C-alpha atoms as a PDB file:
ATOM      1  CA  MET A   1     -48.816  14.308 -13.886  1.00  0.00           C
ATOM      2  CA  LYS A   2     -48.211  12.661 -17.251  1.00  0.00           C
ATOM      3  CA  THR A   3     -45.118  14.835 -17.816  1.00  0.00           C
ATOM      4  CA  ILE A   4     -43.614  13.692 -14.519  1.00  0.00           C
ATOM      5  CA  ARG A   5     -44.175  10.017 -15.445  1.00  0.00           C
ATOM      6  CA  ILE A   6     -42.533  10.486 -18.816  1.00  0.00           C
ATOM      7  CA  THR A   7     -39.589  12.302 -17.219  1.00  0.00           C
ATOM      8  CA  VAL A   8     -39.097   9.579 -14.593  1.00  0.00           C
ATOM      9  CA  LEU A   9     -39.426   6.823 -17.214  1.00  0.00           C
ATOM     10  CA  GLY A  10     -36.969   8.589 -19.534  1.00  0.00           C
ATOM     11  CA  THR A  11     -34.473   9.063 -16.724  1.00  0.00           C
ATOM     12  CA  ALA A  12     -34.755   5.394 -15.743  1.00  0.00           C
ATOM     13  CA  LEU A  13     -34.180   4.301 -19.331  1.00  0.00           C
ATOM     14  CA  LEU A  14     -31.133   6.557 -19.692  1.00  0.00           C
ATOM     15  CA  LEU A  15     -29.631   5.306 -16.439  1.00  0.00           C
ATOM     16  CA  GLY A  16     -30.289   1.716 -17.497  1.00  0.00           C
ATOM     17  CA  ALA A  17     -28.417   2.304 -20.728  1.00  0.00           C
ATOM     18  CA  CYS A  18     -25.377   3.573 -18.778  1.00  0.00           C
ATOM     19  CA  THR A  19     -24.762   0.249 -17.052  1.00  0.00           C
ATOM     20  CA  GLY A  20     -22.950  -2.683 -18.543  1.00  0.00           C
ATOM     21  CA  SER A  21     -19.563  -3.148 -20.130  1.00  0.00           C
ATOM     22  CA  GLY A  22     -19.579   0.206 -21.908  1.00  0.00           C
ATOM     23  CA  LEU A  23     -18.227   1.957 -18.806  1.00  0.00           C
ATOM     24  CA  ASP A  24     -15.475  -0.521 -18.002  1.00  0.00           C
ATOM     25  CA  PRO A  25     -12.357   0.636 -19.872  1.00  0.00           C
ATOM     26  CA  TYR A  26     -10.865  -2.866 -19.907  1.00  0.00           C
ATOM     27  CA  SER A  27     -13.850  -4.465 -21.607  1.00  0.00           C
ATOM     28  CA  ARG A  28     -14.069  -2.083 -24.567  1.00  0.00           C
ATOM     29  CA  GLU A  29     -12.706  -3.326 -27.865  1.00  0.00           C
ATOM     30  CA  GLY A  30      -9.172  -2.184 -28.698  1.00  0.00           C
ATOM     31  CA  ASN A  31      -8.137  -1.335 -25.130  1.00  0.00           C
ATOM     32  CA  TRP A  32      -5.351  -2.883 -23.109  1.00  0.00           C
ATOM     33  CA  ARG A  33      -6.392  -5.785 -20.900  1.00  0.00           C
ATOM     34  CA  PRO A  34      -4.488  -6.937 -17.814  1.00  0.00           C
ATOM     35  CA  ASN A  35      -2.881 -10.256 -18.697  1.00  0.00           C
ATOM     36  CA  GLY A  36      -0.144 -10.810 -16.106  1.00  0.00           C
ATOM     37  CA  ALA A  37       2.660  -9.454 -18.323  1.00  0.00           C
ATOM     38  CA  ASN A  38       4.273  -7.412 -15.509  1.00  0.00           C
ATOM     39  CA  GLU A  39       4.424 -10.425 -13.211  1.00  0.00           C
ATOM     40  CA  ALA A  40       5.866 -12.619 -15.961  1.00  0.00           C
ATOM     41  CA  ASN A  41       8.528 -10.000 -16.777  1.00  0.00           C
ATOM     42  CA  LEU A  42       9.507  -9.659 -13.121  1.00  0.00           C
ATOM     43  CA  ILE A  43       9.971 -13.412 -12.787  1.00  0.00           C
ATOM     44  CA  GLN A  44      12.139 -13.438 -15.920  1.00  0.00           C
ATOM     45  CA  MET A  45      14.371 -10.666 -14.520  1.00  0.00           C
ATOM     46  CA  LEU A  46      15.063 -12.446 -11.218  1.00  0.00           C
ATOM     47  CA  ALA A  47      18.350 -14.300 -10.953  1.00  0.00           C
ATOM     48  CA  THR A  48      16.576 -17.016  -8.990  1.00  0.00           C
ATOM     49  CA  PRO A  49      12.879 -17.213 -10.005  1.00  0.00           C
ATOM     50  CA  THR A  50      11.894 -18.800  -6.696  1.00  0.00           C
ATOM     51  CA  ASP A  51      12.815 -15.497  -5.011  1.00  0.00           C
ATOM     52  CA  TYR A  52       9.492 -14.181  -6.330  1.00  0.00           C
ATOM     53  CA  THR A  53       7.541 -16.381  -3.922  1.00  0.00           C
ATOM     54  CA  GLN A  54      10.056 -16.678  -1.085  1.00  0.00           C
ATOM     55  CA  GLY A  55      12.955 -14.294  -0.617  1.00  0.00           C
ATOM     56  CA  GLN A  56      16.407 -14.963   0.768  1.00  0.00           C
ATOM     57  CA  ALA A  57      17.961 -13.524   3.886  1.00  0.00           C
ATOM     58  CA  ALA A  58      20.970 -11.264   3.573  1.00  0.00           C
ATOM     59  CA  PRO A  59      24.162 -13.055   4.650  1.00  0.00           C
ATOM     60  CA  ASP A  60      24.904 -10.438   7.308  1.00  0.00           C
ATOM     61  CA  ALA A  61      21.313 -10.127   8.573  1.00  0.00           C
ATOM     62  CA  MET A  62      20.715 -10.301  12.315  1.00  0.00           C
ATOM     63  CA  GLY A  63      17.258 -11.863  12.262  1.00  0.00           C
ATOM     64  CA  GLU A  64      17.276 -12.970  15.888  1.00  0.00           C
ATOM     65  CA  LEU A  65      17.979  -9.436  17.073  1.00  0.00           C
ATOM     66  CA  ALA A  66      15.193  -7.983  14.910  1.00  0.00           C
ATOM     67  CA  THR A  67      12.753 -10.694  15.983  1.00  0.00           C
ATOM     68  CA  ALA A  68      13.447 -10.006  19.642  1.00  0.00           C
ATOM     69  CA  ALA A  69      12.768  -6.284  19.118  1.00  0.00           C
ATOM     70  CA  VAL A  70       9.472  -6.982  17.371  1.00  0.00           C
ATOM     71  CA  GLN A  71       8.419  -9.391  20.125  1.00  0.00           C
ATOM     72  CA  ARG A  72       9.139  -6.722  22.761  1.00  0.00           C
ATOM     73  CA  LEU A  73       7.083  -4.231  20.781  1.00  0.00           C
ATOM     74  CA  LEU A  74       4.146  -6.616  20.468  1.00  0.00           C
ATOM     75  CA  GLN A  75       4.281  -7.471  24.184  1.00  0.00           C
ATOM     76  CA  ASP A  76       4.509  -3.771  25.147  1.00  0.00           C
ATOM     77  CA  ARG A  77       7.954  -4.204  26.736  1.00  0.00           C
ATOM     78  CA  VAL A  78       9.876  -1.669  24.642  1.00  0.00           C
ATOM     79  CA  ARG A  79      13.288  -0.727  26.024  1.00  0.00           C
ATOM     80  CA  ASN A  80      14.352   2.898  26.459  1.00  0.00           C
ATOM     81  CA  LEU A  81      17.086   4.203  24.215  1.00  0.00           C
ATOM     82  CA  PRO A  82      20.519   4.331  25.823  1.00  0.00           C
ATOM     83  CA  ALA A  83      21.746   7.749  26.943  1.00  0.00           C
ATOM     84  CA  SER A  84      24.224   9.430  24.632  1.00  0.00           C
ATOM     85  CA  ALA A  85      26.292  12.611  24.651  1.00  0.00           C
ATOM     86  CA  THR A  86      23.888  14.336  22.259  1.00  0.00           C
ATOM     87  CA  THR A  87      20.756  13.732  24.345  1.00  0.00           C
ATOM     88  CA  GLN A  88      22.112  14.422  27.853  1.00  0.00           C
ATOM     89  CA  GLY A  89      22.373  18.200  27.485  1.00  0.00           C
ATOM     90  CA  MET A  90      18.945  18.692  25.936  1.00  0.00           C
ATOM     91  CA  ALA A  91      16.759  18.279  29.042  1.00  0.00           C
ATOM     92  CA  GLY A  92      14.976  21.627  28.734  1.00  0.00           C
ATOM     93  CA  ALA A  93      15.408  22.383  25.044  1.00  0.00           C
ATOM     94  CA  SER A  94      12.439  22.831  22.779  1.00  0.00           C
ATOM     95  CA  GLY A  95      12.532  20.886  19.537  1.00  0.00           C
ATOM     96  CA  ILE A  96      10.145  23.291  17.796  1.00  0.00           C
ATOM     97  CA  GLY A  97      10.590  27.012  17.418  1.00  0.00           C
ATOM     98  CA  GLY A  98      14.053  27.314  18.962  1.00  0.00           C
ATOM     99  CA  ALA A  99      14.856  28.718  22.419  1.00  0.00           C
ATOM    100  CA  GLN A 100      12.088  30.365  24.372  1.00  0.00           C
END
């Protein structure tokens, strides 16, 4: 009975010693610490630093068209794709494993 108590107490003490800053690699002396250097470098590389917080639209972007498509998707009113010459002759074809 006394051996079990000593074993449990020893295990508890060992586990207690494992906690703390010794396990965190950033808190040990001599290790790299995150300091925001990547973010600062990115901002320096941007031609317009405000692009980091708010981007700019491409001059030829069709935002209204894309917005309408997303709204249809969210409202479950997705349109079917238009028929084309490549899809009309494939009514019975199998896409996997070739002809059967």
